[in-house]
Amino acid sequence: MKKRTTASLFAGALLLAACTGEGDANQTDNAEAAGNNGQNETEEVNDANAGDEAESITVTHDLGETEVPVNPESVVVFDFGVLDTMDVLGEEPVALPQGNVPSYLSDYESEAYENAGTLFEPDFEAIYAMEPDLILIGGRTAEAYDELSEIAPTVMMGVDQDNYIESFEEQVTLLGDIFAKEDEAASALTDVQQQLDELQQTDFNGSGLMVMTSEGSLSAYGPGSRFGLLHNEFEITPADEGIDDANHGQNVSFEYVLETNPDILFVLDRGAVVGGEEEDSADEVLNNDIINQTQAAENDSIVYLNTEYWYISAGGLTSVSGMIEEVRQAVE
């Protein structure tokens, strides 16, 4: 794998877009695609005296411009990638959707945190009663933005699939600014950059193909897809350069996988995180005579990725670090 220059994890401008969560596949993918090319910018405001710390920052995001209090005490979160990063920074929400919470964040399913509804259907009455200082949403909650904004300052968060690592870095930096945890955010990003450098410096020269299984069906994802960072930033040569860029992926057959014949087959099992049937699990679906003829199968290089990291809580400090590590182990 040839090393290339990666965007610095300490870039200045804040540029990000939306994606992460739960629910129906079509709703999920369409919501994620809707905010995929936006920008977030911040500006400090309400500086009462020269030298004083700013009391708030103005964030320009996909859905508007929002004045956000610095170090808010009461935050409602509708994006599990954001929750992931807040957890690393030592910040807790007062409420979140308590369905499909990633297992590594399961502590937030306790009664210590209010249930804010679902990613697609917030409990507006309950949230209003909480009187939050700030609401952070992702693409799956975008349609509720106007109503949530009437309750409290609301910001659209997420990562840009076309510029994943840089926008991830910018989101973490923004959260560091919001919670007055700038040093902690910078330190965590340094660790992620080191992981990414190590991955890019490996000498793997084979090809890879990303597929997702869902209710027995198979979809492939290429460089222009929601999982394009596998090729664009992680630098895995795509086994097929011509995969459709549709957010749902390109529907493919087992014969397609054999014809494409990747050195590594990267697999996401959607059913594992949305309650699929056991007989439709990825390992059951892919254990057949056709897939077993591929180079990946013969070389024991079918890699089952952590679907929570890639699909449910993408864009968090823990999830991105875990994604990099999974791919590094696969290519070493």
Protein backbone atom coordinates (compact mmCIF):
# COMPACT_ATOMS: atom_id res chain seq x y z
CA MET A 1 0.00 0.00 0.00
CA LYS A 2 1.52 3.31 -1.05
CA LYS A 3 1.57 6.06 1.55
CA ARG A 4 -0.19 9.26 0.53
CA THR A 5 -0.63 12.61 2.21
CA THR A 6 -3.71 12.57 4.42
CA ALA A 7 -5.55 15.74 5.39
CA SER A 8 -4.18 17.00 8.72
CA LEU A 9 -6.26 16.15 11.75
CA PHE A 10 -5.92 19.73 12.85
CA ALA A 11 -7.45 21.57 9.87
CA GLY A 12 -8.99 24.95 10.60
CA ALA A 13 -12.36 25.19 8.80
CA LEU A 14 -15.24 23.05 10.01
CA LEU A 15 -16.82 21.08 7.17
CA LEU A 16 -19.18 18.22 7.81
CA ALA A 17 -22.34 16.38 6.78
CA ALA A 18 -24.81 13.84 8.04
CA CYS A 19 -25.06 10.10 8.85
CA THR A 20 -25.45 7.35 11.61
CA GLY A 21 -28.21 5.46 13.48
CA GLU A 22 -31.00 2.88 13.25
CA GLY A 23 -34.24 1.96 11.49
CA ASP A 24 -35.59 0.97 8.12
CA ALA A 25 -32.92 0.60 5.46
CA ASN A 26 -34.51 2.90 2.89
CA GLN A 27 -35.32 5.65 5.43
CA THR A 28 -31.85 5.35 6.88
CA ASP A 29 -29.96 5.52 3.60
CA ASN A 30 -32.05 8.36 2.18
CA ALA A 31 -31.69 10.42 5.34
CA GLU A 32 -27.95 9.90 5.36
CA ALA A 33 -27.64 10.89 1.72
CA ALA A 34 -29.65 14.07 2.20
CA GLY A 35 -26.96 15.99 4.09
CA ASN A 36 -23.88 14.53 2.48
CA ASN A 37 -22.19 17.64 1.11
CA GLY A 38 -22.82 20.38 3.67
CA GLN A 39 -20.47 22.56 5.66
CA ASN A 40 -20.23 23.48 9.33
CA GLU A 41 -18.41 26.59 10.34
CA THR A 42 -17.98 28.05 13.81
CA GLU A 43 -17.51 31.55 15.11
CA GLU A 44 -17.03 32.60 18.73
CA VAL A 45 -19.59 35.10 20.00
CA ASN A 46 -20.72 36.74 23.26
CA ASP A 47 -17.20 37.55 24.43
CA ALA A 48 -18.09 39.96 27.21
CA ASN A 49 -14.59 41.27 27.90
CA ALA A 50 -11.31 41.09 26.01
CA GLY A 51 -9.52 37.88 26.97
CA ASP A 52 -12.64 36.20 28.36
CA GLU A 53 -13.61 32.80 27.06
CA ALA A 54 -16.48 32.82 24.59
CA GLU A 55 -19.86 31.98 26.11
CA SER A 56 -21.17 30.60 22.84
CA ILE A 57 -20.18 29.81 19.28
CA THR A 58 -22.18 30.17 16.09
CA VAL A 59 -22.24 26.98 14.04
CA THR A 60 -23.24 27.06 10.36
CA HIS A 61 -24.40 23.60 9.32
CA ASP A 62 -26.46 21.85 6.63
CA LEU A 63 -29.79 22.94 8.06
CA GLY A 64 -29.04 26.47 9.22
CA GLU A 65 -27.01 28.61 11.58
CA THR A 66 -27.20 27.96 15.30
CA GLU A 67 -25.79 29.81 18.29
CA VAL A 68 -24.51 27.10 20.62
CA PRO A 69 -23.64 27.57 24.31
CA VAL A 70 -20.11 26.55 25.23
CA ASN A 71 -19.98 23.75 27.81
CA PRO A 72 -23.74 23.10 27.85
CA GLU A 73 -25.06 21.27 30.90
CA SER A 74 -28.07 19.58 29.32
CA VAL A 75 -27.63 17.95 25.90
CA VAL A 76 -29.96 15.67 23.94
CA VAL A 77 -28.21 13.52 21.32
CA PHE A 78 -29.71 11.92 18.20
CA ASP A 79 -26.54 10.58 16.61
CA PHE A 80 -24.61 7.60 17.97
CA GLY A 81 -21.33 8.72 16.39
CA VAL A 82 -21.65 11.99 18.30
CA LEU A 83 -22.52 10.05 21.47
CA ASP A 84 -19.40 7.93 20.89
CA THR A 85 -17.15 11.02 20.74
CA MET A 86 -18.86 12.65 23.71
CA ASP A 87 -18.22 9.47 25.69
CA VAL A 88 -14.50 9.58 24.86
CA LEU A 89 -14.38 13.27 25.85
CA GLY A 90 -16.06 12.47 29.18
CA GLU A 91 -19.34 14.23 28.38
CA GLU A 92 -22.79 12.72 28.95
CA PRO A 93 -26.15 13.56 27.41
CA VAL A 94 -29.31 13.86 29.47
CA ALA A 95 -31.28 11.97 26.83
CA LEU A 96 -30.93 9.90 23.66
CA PRO A 97 -32.97 7.42 21.59
CA GLN A 98 -32.66 4.18 23.53
CA GLY A 99 -33.31 1.77 20.67
CA ASN A 100 -30.40 0.18 18.79
CA VAL A 101 -27.78 1.79 21.02
CA PRO A 102 -24.40 0.24 20.08
CA SER A 103 -23.36 -2.45 22.53
CA TYR A 104 -20.16 -0.63 23.48
CA LEU A 105 -22.31 2.35 24.53
CA SER A 106 -24.90 0.23 26.35
CA ASP A 107 -24.37 2.14 29.63
CA TYR A 108 -26.50 4.88 28.07
CA GLU A 109 -29.51 2.55 27.97
CA SER A 110 -29.84 2.84 31.75
CA GLU A 111 -32.56 4.75 33.57
CA ALA A 112 -29.99 7.44 34.35
CA TYR A 113 -30.70 8.83 30.87
CA GLU A 114 -34.05 9.90 29.47
CA ASN A 115 -35.47 8.22 26.39
CA ALA A 116 -35.71 10.88 23.67
CA GLY A 117 -37.83 8.76 21.32
CA THR A 118 -36.30 7.27 18.17
CA LEU A 119 -33.88 8.61 15.60
CA PHE A 120 -36.76 9.17 13.17
CA GLU A 121 -39.45 10.14 15.68
CA PRO A 122 -38.23 12.25 18.60
CA ASP A 123 -40.44 12.48 21.68
CA PHE A 124 -40.99 16.23 21.40
CA GLU A 125 -43.09 16.51 24.56
CA ALA A 126 -40.50 14.71 26.69
CA ILE A 127 -37.64 16.74 25.21
CA TYR A 128 -39.51 20.00 25.82
CA ALA A 129 -39.97 19.04 29.47
CA MET A 130 -36.21 18.45 29.82
CA GLU A 131 -35.44 22.09 28.88
CA PRO A 132 -32.14 21.11 27.20
CA ASP A 133 -29.39 23.62 26.44
CA LEU A 134 -28.50 21.91 23.15
CA ILE A 135 -29.77 19.22 20.78
CA LEU A 136 -27.35 17.40 18.45
CA ILE A 137 -28.87 15.45 15.55
CA GLY A 138 -27.70 13.37 12.60
CA GLY A 139 -29.13 12.75 9.16
CA ARG A 140 -31.78 10.34 10.38
CA THR A 141 -33.36 13.05 12.52
CA ALA A 142 -33.07 15.81 9.90
CA GLU A 143 -36.82 16.06 9.21
CA ALA A 144 -37.41 16.96 12.86
CA TYR A 145 -34.92 19.84 12.82
CA ASP A 146 -37.42 22.71 12.68
CA GLU A 147 -39.54 21.41 15.54
CA LEU A 148 -36.51 20.56 17.67
CA SER A 149 -35.05 24.01 17.02
CA GLU A 150 -38.13 25.52 18.65
CA ILE A 151 -37.23 23.66 21.85
CA ALA A 152 -33.48 24.38 22.03
CA PRO A 153 -30.49 25.25 19.82
CA THR A 154 -30.17 22.32 17.40
CA VAL A 155 -27.16 21.42 15.24
CA MET A 156 -26.96 18.92 12.38
CA MET A 157 -23.89 16.74 12.80
CA GLY A 158 -22.27 13.93 10.80
CA VAL A 159 -19.44 13.11 8.43
CA ASP A 160 -19.08 13.72 4.70
CA GLN A 161 -18.81 10.37 2.94
CA ASP A 162 -16.78 11.97 0.14
CA ASN A 163 -14.26 13.46 2.57
CA TYR A 164 -14.59 11.14 5.52
CA ILE A 165 -11.46 11.52 7.62
CA GLU A 166 -11.17 15.29 7.31
CA SER A 167 -14.84 15.84 8.12
CA PHE A 168 -14.59 13.35 11.01
CA GLU A 169 -11.68 15.36 12.38
CA GLU A 170 -13.68 18.56 12.02
CA GLN A 171 -16.66 17.08 13.85
CA VAL A 172 -14.49 15.94 16.75
CA THR A 173 -12.84 19.37 16.86
CA LEU A 174 -16.25 21.05 16.92
CA LEU A 175 -17.41 18.85 19.80
CA GLY A 176 -14.19 19.69 21.62
CA ASP A 177 -15.00 23.38 21.16
CA ILE A 178 -18.60 22.96 22.31
CA PHE A 179 -17.66 21.09 25.49
CA ALA A 180 -14.47 23.07 26.19
CA LYS A 181 -12.45 19.88 25.70
CA GLU A 182 -10.17 21.15 22.94
CA ASP A 183 -7.01 19.49 24.28
CA GLU A 184 -8.72 16.15 24.80
CA ALA A 185 -10.16 16.21 21.28
CA ALA A 186 -6.79 17.10 19.76
CA SER A 187 -5.03 14.32 21.66
CA ALA A 188 -7.59 11.73 20.58
CA LEU A 189 -7.28 12.84 16.96
CA THR A 190 -3.51 12.51 17.13
CA ASP A 191 -3.96 8.86 18.17
CA VAL A 192 -6.34 8.22 15.27
CA GLN A 193 -3.95 9.87 12.80
CA GLN A 194 -1.15 7.60 14.02
CA GLN A 195 -3.37 4.55 13.45
CA LEU A 196 -4.23 5.75 9.96
CA ASP A 197 -0.57 6.35 9.13
CA GLU A 198 0.28 2.81 10.21
CA LEU A 199 -2.50 1.39 8.03
CA GLN A 200 -1.41 3.38 4.99
CA GLN A 201 2.19 2.25 5.44
CA THR A 202 1.39 -1.46 5.18
CA ASP A 203 2.59 -3.19 2.03
CA PHE A 204 -0.70 -4.90 1.10
CA ASN A 205 -1.17 -4.65 -2.68
CA GLY A 206 -4.22 -6.85 -3.16
CA SER A 207 -7.84 -5.89 -3.84
CA GLY A 208 -10.84 -5.61 -1.58
CA LEU A 209 -14.61 -5.68 -1.94
CA MET A 210 -17.13 -4.41 0.64
CA VAL A 211 -20.51 -6.12 0.78
CA MET A 212 -23.47 -5.90 3.14
CA THR A 213 -25.91 -8.71 3.80
CA SER A 214 -29.52 -7.90 4.68
CA GLU A 215 -32.34 -10.46 4.91
CA GLY A 216 -30.43 -12.82 2.65
CA SER A 217 -29.67 -10.24 -0.05
CA LEU A 218 -26.26 -8.87 -0.95
CA SER A 219 -25.16 -5.33 -1.82
CA ALA A 220 -21.70 -4.12 -2.88
CA TYR A 221 -20.16 -0.74 -2.04
CA GLY A 222 -17.39 1.01 -3.94
CA PRO A 223 -15.21 4.14 -3.65
CA GLY A 224 -18.15 6.52 -4.19
CA SER A 225 -20.41 4.92 -1.59
CA ARG A 226 -21.14 5.50 2.09
CA PHE A 227 -18.27 3.10 2.88
CA GLY A 228 -15.90 4.62 0.35
CA LEU A 229 -13.30 5.43 3.00
CA LEU A 230 -12.24 1.76 2.77
CA HIS A 231 -10.75 2.66 -0.61
CA ASN A 232 -10.32 6.44 -0.47
CA GLU A 233 -8.68 6.89 2.94
CA PHE A 234 -7.75 3.35 3.95
CA GLU A 235 -6.30 2.84 0.44
CA ILE A 236 -7.59 -0.65 -0.27
CA THR A 237 -7.59 -1.16 -4.04
CA PRO A 238 -11.21 -1.74 -5.16
CA ALA A 239 -11.84 -5.12 -6.76
CA ASP A 240 -14.44 -3.40 -8.96
CA GLU A 241 -14.07 0.27 -9.92
CA GLY A 242 -17.50 0.35 -11.54
CA ILE A 243 -19.82 -0.23 -8.57
CA ASP A 244 -22.83 2.10 -8.59
CA ASP A 245 -22.56 4.98 -6.13
CA ALA A 246 -26.12 4.53 -4.80
CA ASN A 247 -26.37 5.01 -1.04
CA HIS A 248 -28.11 1.64 -0.75
CA GLY A 249 -25.21 -0.02 -2.55
CA GLN A 250 -25.42 -2.07 -5.72
CA ASN A 251 -27.47 -5.25 -5.55
CA VAL A 252 -25.18 -8.14 -6.52
CA SER A 253 -25.20 -11.92 -6.70
CA PHE A 254 -22.86 -14.58 -5.36
CA GLU A 255 -21.69 -15.09 -8.95
CA TYR A 256 -20.70 -11.41 -9.09
CA VAL A 257 -18.50 -11.84 -6.04
CA LEU A 258 -16.83 -14.90 -7.60
CA GLU A 259 -16.29 -13.05 -10.89
CA THR A 260 -14.89 -10.00 -9.08
CA ASN A 261 -12.79 -12.35 -6.94
CA PRO A 262 -11.30 -9.94 -4.36
CA ASP A 263 -8.27 -10.82 -2.29
CA ILE A 264 -10.22 -9.70 0.79
CA LEU A 265 -14.00 -9.73 1.13
CA PHE A 266 -15.10 -7.21 3.76
CA VAL A 267 -18.56 -8.03 5.12
CA LEU A 268 -21.13 -6.02 7.06
CA ASP A 269 -24.05 -7.93 8.58
CA ARG A 270 -26.94 -5.48 8.77
CA GLY A 271 -29.22 -8.04 10.37
CA ALA A 272 -26.88 -8.28 13.34
CA VAL A 273 -27.78 -4.72 14.39
CA VAL A 274 -31.42 -4.42 13.30
CA GLY A 275 -32.74 -7.77 14.54
CA GLY A 276 -32.41 -10.03 11.51
CA GLU A 277 -33.20 -13.75 11.50
CA GLU A 278 -30.39 -16.15 12.42
CA GLU A 279 -30.64 -17.96 9.08
CA ASP A 280 -30.01 -14.63 7.35
CA SER A 281 -26.79 -13.90 9.24
CA ALA A 282 -23.84 -12.96 7.05
CA ASP A 283 -21.83 -16.10 7.77
CA GLU A 284 -24.83 -18.29 6.89
CA VAL A 285 -25.60 -16.33 3.70
CA LEU A 286 -22.00 -16.42 2.46
CA ASN A 287 -21.31 -20.05 3.34
CA ASN A 288 -22.10 -21.52 -0.06
CA ASP A 289 -20.34 -23.29 -2.92
CA ILE A 290 -19.99 -20.14 -5.03
CA ILE A 291 -18.46 -17.87 -2.38
CA ASN A 292 -16.22 -20.69 -1.20
CA GLN A 293 -14.52 -20.68 -4.61
CA THR A 294 -13.29 -17.10 -4.23
CA GLN A 295 -9.69 -16.21 -3.40
CA ALA A 296 -10.93 -14.54 -0.23
CA ALA A 297 -12.58 -17.74 1.01
CA GLU A 298 -9.70 -19.99 -0.02
CA ASN A 299 -7.20 -17.72 1.74
CA ASP A 300 -9.37 -17.32 4.86
CA SER A 301 -9.73 -13.62 4.03
CA ILE A 302 -13.45 -13.07 4.47
CA VAL A 303 -13.47 -10.37 7.14
CA TYR A 304 -16.65 -9.77 9.16
CA LEU A 305 -16.51 -6.14 10.23
CA ASN A 306 -18.08 -4.57 13.30
CA THR A 307 -21.38 -3.36 11.84
CA GLU A 308 -22.02 -1.07 14.81
CA TYR A 309 -18.84 0.87 14.02
CA TRP A 310 -19.46 1.13 10.28
CA TYR A 311 -23.25 1.43 10.15
CA ILE A 312 -24.73 2.54 13.49
CA SER A 313 -22.18 4.86 15.11
CA ALA A 314 -19.95 5.86 12.21
CA GLY A 315 -17.95 9.03 12.73
CA GLY A 316 -17.21 8.57 16.45
CA LEU A 317 -13.74 8.48 17.96
CA THR A 318 -14.11 4.87 19.10
CA SER A 319 -15.81 3.68 15.93
CA VAL A 320 -13.35 5.26 13.49
CA SER A 321 -10.41 3.96 15.52
CA GLY A 322 -11.99 0.51 15.50
CA MET A 323 -12.63 0.64 11.75
CA ILE A 324 -9.00 1.47 11.05
CA GLU A 325 -7.81 -1.33 13.31
CA GLU A 326 -10.09 -3.91 11.67
CA VAL A 327 -8.75 -3.10 8.23
CA ARG A 328 -5.15 -2.99 9.42
CA GLN A 329 -5.46 -6.48 10.89
CA ALA A 330 -7.02 -7.72 7.67
CA VAL A 331 -4.15 -6.53 5.46
CA GLU A 332 -1.22 -7.48 7.70
